[in-house]
Amino acid sequence: MADTPLFRNHFKAFQVIFPWFQKNITGGYVTQQLAGERVAAVVAEPDLNESGIYWSWGNRQKPGRHSFAQEVSNEAQDDAKARKLWDLSAKLVGLDDESAKGVPAAAGSV
């Protein structure tokens, strides 16, 4: 998703170089279409319904590429860090404690 508005606030040079780098050097460039198809697959395909999994396609845009599960780091599974991130994010966007009450204590758990 290197050429989407995701990087709209980044330096102009980065906006040009990063997609080129992904396409020509790393091979990790993924089109918006393919990224959307992958998100839909994770939502809809029974083979991808296991919770707590980081699904990957190796970041490659090759036809017929199959998904595989990558190990989720201990840091990504840290509920205390997830809660802190949620609280800081809520504060940054102007949510008060009352607005965030519906969020489970283990916000980072999947």
N, C-alpha and C. Protein backbone atom coordinates (compact mmCIF):
# COMPACT_ATOMS: atom_id res chain seq x y z
N MET A 1 0.83 -1.17 0.00
CA MET A 1 0.00 0.00 0.00
C MET A 1 0.89 1.25 0.00
N ALA A 2 2.03 1.12 -0.64
CA ALA A 2 3.03 2.18 -0.63
C ALA A 2 2.60 3.42 -1.39
N ASP A 3 1.65 3.32 -2.28
CA ASP A 3 1.26 4.49 -3.07
C ASP A 3 -0.16 4.96 -2.76
N THR A 4 -0.59 4.75 -1.54
CA THR A 4 -1.91 5.20 -1.10
C THR A 4 -1.77 6.47 -0.27
N PRO A 5 -2.87 7.08 0.10
CA PRO A 5 -2.81 8.27 0.95
C PRO A 5 -2.24 8.00 2.36
N LEU A 6 -1.93 6.76 2.66
CA LEU A 6 -1.35 6.43 3.96
C LEU A 6 -0.11 7.27 4.25
N PHE A 7 0.64 7.59 3.20
CA PHE A 7 1.87 8.36 3.36
C PHE A 7 1.72 9.81 2.90
N ARG A 8 0.52 10.32 2.85
CA ARG A 8 0.25 11.65 2.31
C ARG A 8 0.95 12.77 3.06
N ASN A 9 1.27 12.57 4.32
CA ASN A 9 1.93 13.60 5.11
C ASN A 9 3.44 13.42 5.18
N HIS A 10 3.94 12.44 4.46
CA HIS A 10 5.38 12.19 4.44
C HIS A 10 6.04 13.08 3.40
N PHE A 11 7.35 13.14 3.44
CA PHE A 11 8.10 13.92 2.45
C PHE A 11 7.76 13.47 1.05
N LYS A 12 7.68 14.40 0.12
CA LYS A 12 7.35 14.10 -1.27
C LYS A 12 8.34 13.08 -1.85
N ALA A 13 9.61 13.23 -1.54
CA ALA A 13 10.62 12.29 -2.05
C ALA A 13 10.31 10.87 -1.58
N PHE A 14 9.90 10.74 -0.33
CA PHE A 14 9.55 9.42 0.20
C PHE A 14 8.36 8.84 -0.56
N GLN A 15 7.37 9.68 -0.84
CA GLN A 15 6.17 9.24 -1.55
C GLN A 15 6.50 8.70 -2.94
N VAL A 16 7.56 9.19 -3.53
CA VAL A 16 7.98 8.73 -4.86
C VAL A 16 8.91 7.52 -4.75
N ILE A 17 9.88 7.62 -3.85
CA ILE A 17 10.92 6.59 -3.76
C ILE A 17 10.39 5.30 -3.13
N PHE A 18 9.57 5.40 -2.09
CA PHE A 18 9.13 4.20 -1.37
C PHE A 18 8.37 3.21 -2.27
N PRO A 19 7.38 3.64 -3.05
CA PRO A 19 6.71 2.68 -3.93
C PRO A 19 7.68 2.06 -4.94
N TRP A 20 8.56 2.87 -5.50
CA TRP A 20 9.54 2.36 -6.45
C TRP A 20 10.43 1.32 -5.79
N PHE A 21 10.90 1.61 -4.57
CA PHE A 21 11.74 0.70 -3.81
C PHE A 21 11.02 -0.63 -3.56
N GLN A 22 9.75 -0.53 -3.16
CA GLN A 22 8.95 -1.74 -2.90
C GLN A 22 8.77 -2.57 -4.17
N LYS A 23 8.55 -1.91 -5.28
CA LYS A 23 8.34 -2.62 -6.55
C LYS A 23 9.62 -3.23 -7.09
N ASN A 24 10.72 -2.50 -7.02
CA ASN A 24 11.94 -2.88 -7.74
C ASN A 24 13.04 -3.49 -6.89
N ILE A 25 13.07 -3.23 -5.62
CA ILE A 25 14.15 -3.73 -4.77
C ILE A 25 13.66 -4.87 -3.86
N THR A 26 12.65 -4.60 -3.06
CA THR A 26 12.22 -5.61 -2.08
C THR A 26 11.23 -6.61 -2.65
N GLY A 27 10.52 -6.22 -3.70
CA GLY A 27 9.46 -7.08 -4.23
C GLY A 27 8.25 -7.13 -3.31
N GLY A 28 8.19 -6.20 -2.36
CA GLY A 28 7.11 -6.21 -1.39
C GLY A 28 5.93 -5.33 -1.74
N TYR A 29 5.90 -4.78 -2.93
CA TYR A 29 4.80 -3.91 -3.32
C TYR A 29 3.52 -4.71 -3.48
N VAL A 30 2.45 -4.20 -2.89
CA VAL A 30 1.13 -4.82 -2.98
C VAL A 30 0.15 -3.74 -3.42
N THR A 31 -0.64 -4.04 -4.43
CA THR A 31 -1.62 -3.08 -4.91
C THR A 31 -2.76 -2.94 -3.89
N GLN A 32 -3.50 -1.84 -4.01
CA GLN A 32 -4.66 -1.66 -3.15
C GLN A 32 -5.68 -2.78 -3.37
N GLN A 33 -5.84 -3.17 -4.62
CA GLN A 33 -6.77 -4.25 -4.96
C GLN A 33 -6.39 -5.55 -4.23
N LEU A 34 -5.11 -5.92 -4.33
CA LEU A 34 -4.67 -7.16 -3.70
C LEU A 34 -4.75 -7.07 -2.18
N ALA A 35 -4.39 -5.92 -1.62
CA ALA A 35 -4.49 -5.75 -0.17
C ALA A 35 -5.94 -5.92 0.28
N GLY A 36 -6.87 -5.35 -0.47
CA GLY A 36 -8.29 -5.50 -0.14
C GLY A 36 -8.75 -6.94 -0.23
N GLU A 37 -8.27 -7.65 -1.26
CA GLU A 37 -8.63 -9.06 -1.40
C GLU A 37 -8.11 -9.88 -0.23
N ARG A 38 -6.92 -9.55 0.25
CA ARG A 38 -6.35 -10.27 1.39
C ARG A 38 -7.12 -10.00 2.67
N VAL A 39 -7.52 -8.75 2.89
CA VAL A 39 -8.34 -8.43 4.07
C VAL A 39 -9.66 -9.18 4.00
N ALA A 40 -10.28 -9.18 2.82
CA ALA A 40 -11.55 -9.90 2.65
C ALA A 40 -11.37 -11.39 2.90
N ALA A 41 -10.26 -11.95 2.46
CA ALA A 41 -10.00 -13.38 2.67
C ALA A 41 -9.90 -13.69 4.16
N VAL A 42 -9.20 -12.85 4.90
CA VAL A 42 -9.05 -13.07 6.34
C VAL A 42 -10.41 -13.00 7.04
N VAL A 43 -11.28 -12.15 6.55
CA VAL A 43 -12.62 -12.01 7.14
C VAL A 43 -13.52 -13.19 6.76
N ALA A 44 -13.43 -13.65 5.52
CA ALA A 44 -14.43 -14.57 4.99
C ALA A 44 -14.01 -16.03 4.85
N GLU A 45 -12.73 -16.31 4.68
CA GLU A 45 -12.33 -17.68 4.41
C GLU A 45 -12.20 -18.51 5.70
N PRO A 46 -12.85 -19.66 5.75
CA PRO A 46 -12.79 -20.49 6.95
C PRO A 46 -11.37 -20.92 7.33
N ASP A 47 -10.48 -21.08 6.36
CA ASP A 47 -9.11 -21.48 6.66
C ASP A 47 -8.32 -20.39 7.38
N LEU A 48 -8.82 -19.16 7.36
CA LEU A 48 -8.11 -18.04 7.96
C LEU A 48 -8.84 -17.48 9.18
N ASN A 49 -9.67 -18.30 9.83
CA ASN A 49 -10.50 -17.78 10.91
C ASN A 49 -9.90 -17.93 12.30
N GLU A 50 -8.67 -18.38 12.40
CA GLU A 50 -8.05 -18.53 13.72
C GLU A 50 -7.68 -17.16 14.28
N SER A 51 -8.07 -16.90 15.50
CA SER A 51 -7.81 -15.62 16.14
C SER A 51 -6.39 -15.57 16.68
N GLY A 52 -5.84 -14.36 16.76
CA GLY A 52 -4.51 -14.17 17.32
C GLY A 52 -3.39 -14.51 16.35
N ILE A 53 -3.71 -14.62 15.08
CA ILE A 53 -2.74 -14.99 14.06
C ILE A 53 -2.41 -13.78 13.21
N TYR A 54 -1.15 -13.63 12.86
CA TYR A 54 -0.75 -12.64 11.88
C TYR A 54 -0.62 -13.35 10.55
N TRP A 55 -1.58 -13.13 9.67
CA TRP A 55 -1.57 -13.79 8.37
C TRP A 55 -0.67 -13.03 7.40
N SER A 56 0.11 -13.76 6.65
CA SER A 56 1.03 -13.14 5.71
C SER A 56 0.99 -13.87 4.38
N TRP A 57 1.41 -13.17 3.37
CA TRP A 57 1.58 -13.74 2.03
C TRP A 57 3.02 -13.52 1.61
N GLY A 58 3.88 -13.22 2.60
CA GLY A 58 5.27 -12.96 2.31
C GLY A 58 5.48 -11.61 1.64
N ASN A 59 4.47 -10.75 1.70
CA ASN A 59 4.53 -9.43 1.09
C ASN A 59 4.93 -9.47 -0.37
N ARG A 60 4.54 -10.49 -1.05
CA ARG A 60 4.88 -10.60 -2.47
C ARG A 60 3.59 -10.64 -3.28
N GLN A 61 3.63 -10.03 -4.42
CA GLN A 61 2.44 -9.93 -5.27
C GLN A 61 2.55 -10.93 -6.42
N LYS A 62 2.76 -12.17 -6.09
CA LYS A 62 2.85 -13.20 -7.12
C LYS A 62 1.52 -13.94 -7.20
N PRO A 63 1.06 -14.25 -8.39
CA PRO A 63 -0.20 -14.99 -8.54
C PRO A 63 -0.14 -16.33 -7.81
N GLY A 64 -1.24 -16.67 -7.17
CA GLY A 64 -1.33 -17.96 -6.50
C GLY A 64 -0.59 -18.04 -5.18
N ARG A 65 -0.13 -16.92 -4.68
CA ARG A 65 0.61 -16.92 -3.41
C ARG A 65 -0.34 -17.33 -2.29
N HIS A 66 0.05 -18.29 -1.48
CA HIS A 66 -0.80 -18.78 -0.40
C HIS A 66 -0.45 -18.09 0.91
N SER A 67 -1.45 -17.90 1.73
CA SER A 67 -1.24 -17.28 3.04
C SER A 67 -0.57 -18.27 3.98
N PHE A 68 0.07 -17.72 4.98
CA PHE A 68 0.65 -18.54 6.04
C PHE A 68 0.65 -17.72 7.33
N ALA A 69 0.65 -18.42 8.44
CA ALA A 69 0.63 -17.75 9.73
C ALA A 69 2.05 -17.45 10.17
N GLN A 70 2.26 -16.21 10.61
CA GLN A 70 3.54 -15.84 11.18
C GLN A 70 3.37 -15.73 12.68
N GLU A 71 4.41 -16.03 13.41
CA GLU A 71 4.36 -15.94 14.86
C GLU A 71 4.17 -14.49 15.28
N VAL A 72 3.29 -14.28 16.22
CA VAL A 72 3.05 -12.95 16.77
C VAL A 72 4.02 -12.74 17.92
N SER A 73 4.70 -11.60 17.92
CA SER A 73 5.71 -11.33 18.95
C SER A 73 5.07 -11.21 20.33
N ASN A 74 5.86 -11.44 21.35
CA ASN A 74 5.38 -11.26 22.73
C ASN A 74 4.95 -9.82 22.96
N GLU A 75 5.66 -8.87 22.36
CA GLU A 75 5.32 -7.47 22.53
C GLU A 75 3.95 -7.16 21.96
N ALA A 76 3.62 -7.75 20.81
CA ALA A 76 2.32 -7.51 20.20
C ALA A 76 1.19 -8.13 21.01
N GLN A 77 1.51 -9.10 21.85
CA GLN A 77 0.51 -9.77 22.67
C GLN A 77 0.44 -9.20 24.09
N ASP A 78 1.18 -8.16 24.36
CA ASP A 78 1.26 -7.57 25.70
C ASP A 78 0.02 -6.71 25.96
N ASP A 79 -0.89 -7.22 26.77
CA ASP A 79 -2.15 -6.52 27.05
C ASP A 79 -1.93 -5.17 27.74
N ALA A 80 -0.93 -5.06 28.60
CA ALA A 80 -0.67 -3.80 29.29
C ALA A 80 -0.22 -2.74 28.28
N LYS A 81 0.63 -3.12 27.35
CA LYS A 81 1.07 -2.17 26.32
C LYS A 81 -0.09 -1.80 25.40
N ALA A 82 -0.94 -2.76 25.10
CA ALA A 82 -2.10 -2.48 24.25
C ALA A 82 -3.02 -1.47 24.93
N ARG A 83 -3.25 -1.64 26.21
CA ARG A 83 -4.10 -0.71 26.97
C ARG A 83 -3.48 0.67 27.00
N LYS A 84 -2.16 0.73 27.23
CA LYS A 84 -1.48 2.03 27.26
C LYS A 84 -1.57 2.72 25.90
N LEU A 85 -1.37 1.96 24.82
CA LEU A 85 -1.48 2.52 23.48
C LEU A 85 -2.90 3.05 23.24
N TRP A 86 -3.90 2.27 23.64
CA TRP A 86 -5.28 2.70 23.47
C TRP A 86 -5.53 3.99 24.24
N ASP A 87 -5.12 4.02 25.49
CA ASP A 87 -5.36 5.20 26.33
C ASP A 87 -4.68 6.44 25.76
N LEU A 88 -3.42 6.30 25.33
CA LEU A 88 -2.71 7.43 24.74
C LEU A 88 -3.38 7.88 23.44
N SER A 89 -3.79 6.93 22.62
CA SER A 89 -4.46 7.26 21.36
C SER A 89 -5.78 7.97 21.62
N ALA A 90 -6.54 7.48 22.58
CA ALA A 90 -7.82 8.11 22.92
C ALA A 90 -7.59 9.54 23.38
N LYS A 91 -6.57 9.74 24.19
CA LYS A 91 -6.26 11.09 24.67
C LYS A 91 -5.87 12.00 23.51
N LEU A 92 -5.06 11.49 22.60
CA LEU A 92 -4.62 12.29 21.45
C LEU A 92 -5.75 12.73 20.54
N VAL A 93 -6.78 11.91 20.43
CA VAL A 93 -7.91 12.27 19.55
C VAL A 93 -9.05 12.92 20.33
N GLY A 94 -8.82 13.19 21.60
CA GLY A 94 -9.79 13.95 22.38
C GLY A 94 -10.87 13.14 23.05
N LEU A 95 -10.72 11.83 23.15
CA LEU A 95 -11.70 11.04 23.88
C LEU A 95 -11.40 11.12 25.37
N ASP A 96 -12.44 11.22 26.16
CA ASP A 96 -12.24 11.23 27.60
C ASP A 96 -12.39 9.80 28.13
N ASP A 97 -12.18 9.64 29.41
CA ASP A 97 -12.26 8.31 30.02
C ASP A 97 -13.63 7.68 29.85
N GLU A 98 -14.68 8.49 29.87
CA GLU A 98 -16.04 7.97 29.70
C GLU A 98 -16.24 7.39 28.30
N SER A 99 -15.65 8.03 27.29
CA SER A 99 -15.80 7.57 25.91
C SER A 99 -15.10 6.24 25.68
N ALA A 100 -14.06 5.98 26.44
CA ALA A 100 -13.26 4.77 26.23
C ALA A 100 -13.69 3.62 27.12
N LYS A 101 -14.75 3.81 27.91
CA LYS A 101 -15.16 2.77 28.87
C LYS A 101 -15.59 1.46 28.23
N GLY A 102 -16.12 1.50 27.01
CA GLY A 102 -16.58 0.28 26.36
C GLY A 102 -15.47 -0.60 25.82
N VAL A 103 -14.25 -0.17 25.96
CA VAL A 103 -13.12 -0.92 25.44
C VAL A 103 -12.69 -1.97 26.44
N PRO A 104 -12.51 -3.21 26.00
CA PRO A 104 -12.09 -4.26 26.93
C PRO A 104 -10.71 -3.97 27.51
N ALA A 105 -10.46 -4.45 28.72
CA ALA A 105 -9.18 -4.22 29.37
C ALA A 105 -8.03 -4.75 28.54
N ALA A 106 -8.25 -5.84 27.83
CA ALA A 106 -7.20 -6.43 26.98
C ALA A 106 -7.44 -5.99 25.54
N ALA A 107 -7.31 -4.70 25.31
CA ALA A 107 -7.60 -4.13 23.97
C ALA A 107 -6.72 -4.73 22.89
N GLY A 108 -5.54 -5.20 23.23
CA GLY A 108 -4.64 -5.76 22.22
C GLY A 108 -4.89 -7.21 21.93
N SER A 109 -5.72 -7.85 22.70
CA SER A 109 -5.99 -9.28 22.48
C SER A 109 -6.87 -9.47 21.28
N VAL A 110 -6.60 -10.51 20.54
CA VAL A 110 -7.41 -10.82 19.36
C VAL A 110 -8.09 -12.13 19.60
